[in-house]
Protein backbone atom coordinates (compact mmCIF):
# COMPACT_ATOMS: atom_id res chain seq x y z
CA MET A 1 9.86 2.52 -1.03
CA ALA A 2 11.74 0.60 1.65
CA LYS A 3 11.60 2.13 5.09
CA VAL A 4 14.79 2.70 7.04
CA THR A 5 13.43 0.52 9.85
CA ASP A 6 12.89 -2.30 7.32
CA ILE A 7 16.55 -2.10 6.40
CA ILE A 8 17.53 -2.28 10.07
CA SER A 9 15.28 -5.30 10.57
CA THR A 10 16.83 -7.00 7.54
CA LEU A 11 20.31 -6.32 8.88
CA LYS A 12 19.40 -7.83 12.26
CA GLU A 13 18.44 -11.04 10.47
CA ALA A 14 21.63 -11.19 8.38
CA GLY A 15 23.82 -14.18 9.08
CA ASN A 16 21.29 -16.08 11.18
CA GLY A 17 22.86 -19.08 12.84
CA THR A 18 26.38 -17.65 12.96
CA ASP A 19 28.30 -15.59 15.49
CA GLU A 20 29.84 -13.32 12.85
CA VAL A 21 28.34 -11.47 9.90
CA THR A 22 30.45 -10.44 6.91
CA LEU A 23 29.97 -7.28 4.91
CA GLY A 24 29.34 -9.51 1.89
CA GLU A 25 26.42 -11.20 3.67
CA ILE A 26 25.00 -7.82 4.63
CA ASN A 27 25.37 -6.59 1.05
CA ASP A 28 23.64 -9.72 -0.29
CA GLU A 29 20.82 -9.38 2.23
CA LEU A 30 20.16 -5.73 1.47
CA GLY A 31 20.61 -5.81 -2.30
CA HIS A 32 19.82 -2.48 -3.97
CA ARG A 33 18.37 -1.06 -0.73
CA GLY A 34 21.87 -1.01 0.78
CA THR A 35 23.48 1.18 -1.87
CA ALA A 36 22.95 4.43 0.04
CA ALA A 37 24.19 2.83 3.26
CA LEU A 38 27.37 1.68 1.51
CA LEU A 39 28.00 5.31 0.56
CA GLY A 40 27.05 6.75 3.94
CA ILE A 41 28.77 4.41 6.38
CA PRO A 42 32.33 5.14 5.17
CA ALA A 43 31.52 8.87 4.96
CA ALA A 44 30.28 8.82 8.55
CA LEU A 45 33.42 6.95 9.58
CA GLU A 46 35.55 9.69 8.03
CA LEU A 47 33.77 12.25 10.23
CA THR A 48 35.00 10.51 13.39
CA PRO A 49 38.51 11.02 14.82
CA ILE A 50 39.59 8.13 12.56
CA GLY A 51 39.32 10.63 9.69
CA GLY A 52 42.27 12.52 11.18
CA ILE A 53 44.67 9.61 10.67
CA PRO A 54 46.85 10.30 7.61
CA GLY A 55 45.87 8.12 4.67
CA VAL A 56 42.53 6.96 6.08
CA PRO A 57 40.41 9.66 4.36
CA SER A 58 41.97 8.73 1.00
CA ILE A 59 41.19 5.04 1.53
CA ILE A 60 37.64 5.93 2.53
CA ALA A 61 37.30 8.15 -0.56
CA LEU A 62 38.49 5.27 -2.74
CA ILE A 63 35.89 2.93 -1.23
CA ILE A 64 33.07 5.48 -1.62
CA GLY A 65 34.23 6.23 -5.16
CA LEU A 66 34.11 2.52 -6.01
CA PHE A 67 30.44 2.40 -5.00
CA ALA A 68 29.61 5.70 -6.74
CA VAL A 69 31.13 4.50 -10.03
CA GLN A 70 28.91 1.41 -9.86
CA ILE A 71 25.86 3.63 -9.39
CA VAL A 72 26.84 5.75 -12.40
CA PHE A 73 26.92 2.59 -14.52
CA GLY A 74 23.47 1.58 -13.27
CA ARG A 75 24.48 -1.34 -11.11
CA GLU A 76 21.83 -2.02 -8.45
CA ASP A 77 23.67 -4.59 -6.34
CA MET A 78 27.09 -3.41 -5.29
CA TRP A 79 30.21 -5.44 -5.99
CA LEU A 80 32.63 -5.46 -3.09
CA PRO A 81 36.33 -6.26 -3.32
CA GLY A 82 37.35 -9.35 -1.35
CA PHE A 83 39.07 -7.42 1.45
CA LEU A 84 35.77 -5.63 2.17
CA GLU A 85 33.42 -8.52 1.43
CA ASN A 86 35.18 -10.76 3.95
CA ARG A 87 35.30 -8.20 6.77
CA SER A 88 33.14 -9.38 9.62
CA VAL A 89 31.58 -8.09 12.78
CA SER A 90 30.14 -10.07 15.65
CA LYS A 91 26.42 -10.51 15.39
CA GLU A 92 25.99 -9.12 18.91
CA LYS A 93 27.89 -5.88 18.07
CA LEU A 94 25.84 -5.49 14.90
CA ARG A 95 22.56 -5.93 16.77
CA THR A 96 23.63 -3.53 19.53
CA SER A 97 24.55 -0.89 16.94
CA LEU A 98 21.29 -1.41 15.07
CA ASP A 99 19.28 -1.09 18.28
CA LYS A 100 20.95 2.28 18.88
CA LEU A 101 20.10 3.37 15.32
CA ARG A 102 16.45 2.29 15.52
CA PRO A 103 15.09 5.52 17.14
CA ALA A 104 16.73 7.64 14.42
CA ALA A 105 15.39 5.27 11.76
CA GLU A 106 11.87 5.49 13.19
CA TRP A 107 12.13 9.28 13.19
CA ALA A 108 13.31 9.21 9.56
CA ASP A 109 10.42 6.93 8.57
CA ARG A 110 7.92 9.32 10.18
CA HIS A 111 9.33 12.58 8.82
CA LEU A 112 11.29 11.85 5.65
CA GLY A 113 10.46 10.38 2.26
CA ASP A 114 8.44 11.01 -0.90
CA HIS A 115 9.08 14.74 -1.19
CA LEU A 116 10.52 16.35 -4.31
CA SER A 117 10.93 12.87 -5.78
CA ILE A 118 12.50 14.23 -8.96
CA LEU A 119 15.68 14.76 -6.91
CA VAL A 120 15.99 11.13 -5.77
CA HIS A 121 14.81 8.95 -8.63
CA PRO A 122 16.69 8.04 -11.83
CA PRO A 123 18.45 9.71 -13.55
CA ALA A 124 19.04 11.95 -10.50
CA THR A 125 20.77 9.11 -8.64
CA ARG A 126 23.44 8.87 -11.33
CA ILE A 127 23.99 12.63 -11.21
CA VAL A 128 24.36 12.38 -7.43
CA ALA A 129 26.90 9.57 -7.91
CA LEU A 130 28.92 11.82 -10.25
CA ALA A 131 28.88 14.59 -7.63
CA ILE A 132 30.06 12.08 -5.02
CA ILE A 133 32.92 11.01 -7.29
CA LEU A 134 33.95 14.66 -7.63
CA LEU A 135 33.85 15.05 -3.84
CA CYS A 136 35.93 11.87 -3.44
CA CYS A 137 38.57 13.36 -5.73
CA THR A 138 38.92 16.36 -3.41
CA ILE A 139 39.57 14.29 -0.29
CA PRO A 140 43.21 13.18 -0.87
CA PRO A 141 44.59 16.70 -1.34
CA LEU A 142 42.52 17.96 1.61
CA GLU A 143 44.31 15.49 3.89
CA LEU A 144 47.14 18.04 4.04
CA LEU A 145 44.87 20.23 6.18
CA PRO A 146 43.74 18.48 9.39
CA PHE A 147 40.10 17.38 9.19
CA ALA A 148 39.44 19.44 6.04
CA SER A 149 38.41 16.21 4.30
CA SER A 150 35.37 16.22 6.60
CA ILE A 151 33.82 18.89 4.36
CA PRO A 152 33.30 16.59 1.35
CA ALA A 153 32.65 13.57 3.61
CA GLY A 154 29.80 15.38 5.35
CA THR A 155 28.29 16.29 2.00
CA ILE A 156 28.55 12.66 0.84
CA LEU A 157 26.78 11.62 4.05
CA LEU A 158 23.93 14.04 3.26
CA PHE A 159 23.66 12.66 -0.28
CA SER A 160 23.48 9.10 1.07
CA LEU A 161 20.81 10.08 3.60
CA GLY A 162 18.77 11.64 0.79
CA LEU A 163 19.11 8.43 -1.26
CA LEU A 164 18.35 6.20 1.73
CA THR A 165 15.19 8.04 2.76
CA ARG A 166 14.20 8.97 -0.80
CA ASP A 167 13.51 12.48 0.42
CA GLY A 168 14.12 15.25 -2.09
CA ARG A 169 14.25 17.85 0.67
CA VAL A 170 17.30 16.14 2.13
CA MET A 171 18.73 15.84 -1.37
CA ALA A 172 18.17 19.57 -1.98
CA LEU A 173 20.03 20.27 1.26
CA ALA A 174 22.81 17.95 0.05
CA TRP A 175 23.09 19.89 -3.21
CA ILE A 176 23.35 23.15 -1.27
CA ALA A 177 26.05 21.53 0.88
CA PHE A 178 27.76 20.34 -2.32
CA VAL A 179 28.01 23.89 -3.66
CA ALA A 180 29.13 25.16 -0.25
CA ALA A 181 31.70 22.35 0.01
CA LEU A 182 33.17 23.15 -3.39
CA TRP A 183 33.33 26.83 -2.45
CA GLY A 184 34.90 25.94 0.92
CA ILE A 185 37.46 23.67 -0.71
CA TRP A 186 38.29 26.37 -3.23
CA THR A 187 38.88 28.92 -0.48
CA LEU A 188 40.82 26.52 1.76
CA TRP A 189 43.22 25.45 -0.96
CA PRO A 190 46.13 27.88 -1.39
């Protein structure tokens, strides 16, 4: 099992010798270990004030859904469309962000992982991907209610954390959040 800190270290080394790092280079560097991050990063972005901009949650749901469909079909290395693959960030900004994430990653490595493994290993990952696709389908209509799309996005973030840390306890919490999110969406929708 890859540790979260190992993933951060790998990301810090991505694009050595250049001032910018593309998402494609990061994806290539991480390989199958980056799948959960590719689900979680857009979901986390949707939980910021950016998620309140009309249309953004739907775009984020489309991106997350693209990755989830690939997981359902058993793809280990994620294919990225060109507009995402060529997006870049300065190496300095990436390293600064990763340095800020390191304490949380170290905590996760110490406290999470290898519990209730039946919830995080195949075929459970494909079932999780199907649940994520269902949650992605709820996001566009929820845009009509300000920040209501944060309900499914938060659940997707929990699923990705469970996949990233390979901790079934986190995944069990994500499944509880999934049921609560579906109930919440049902009650919010007129």
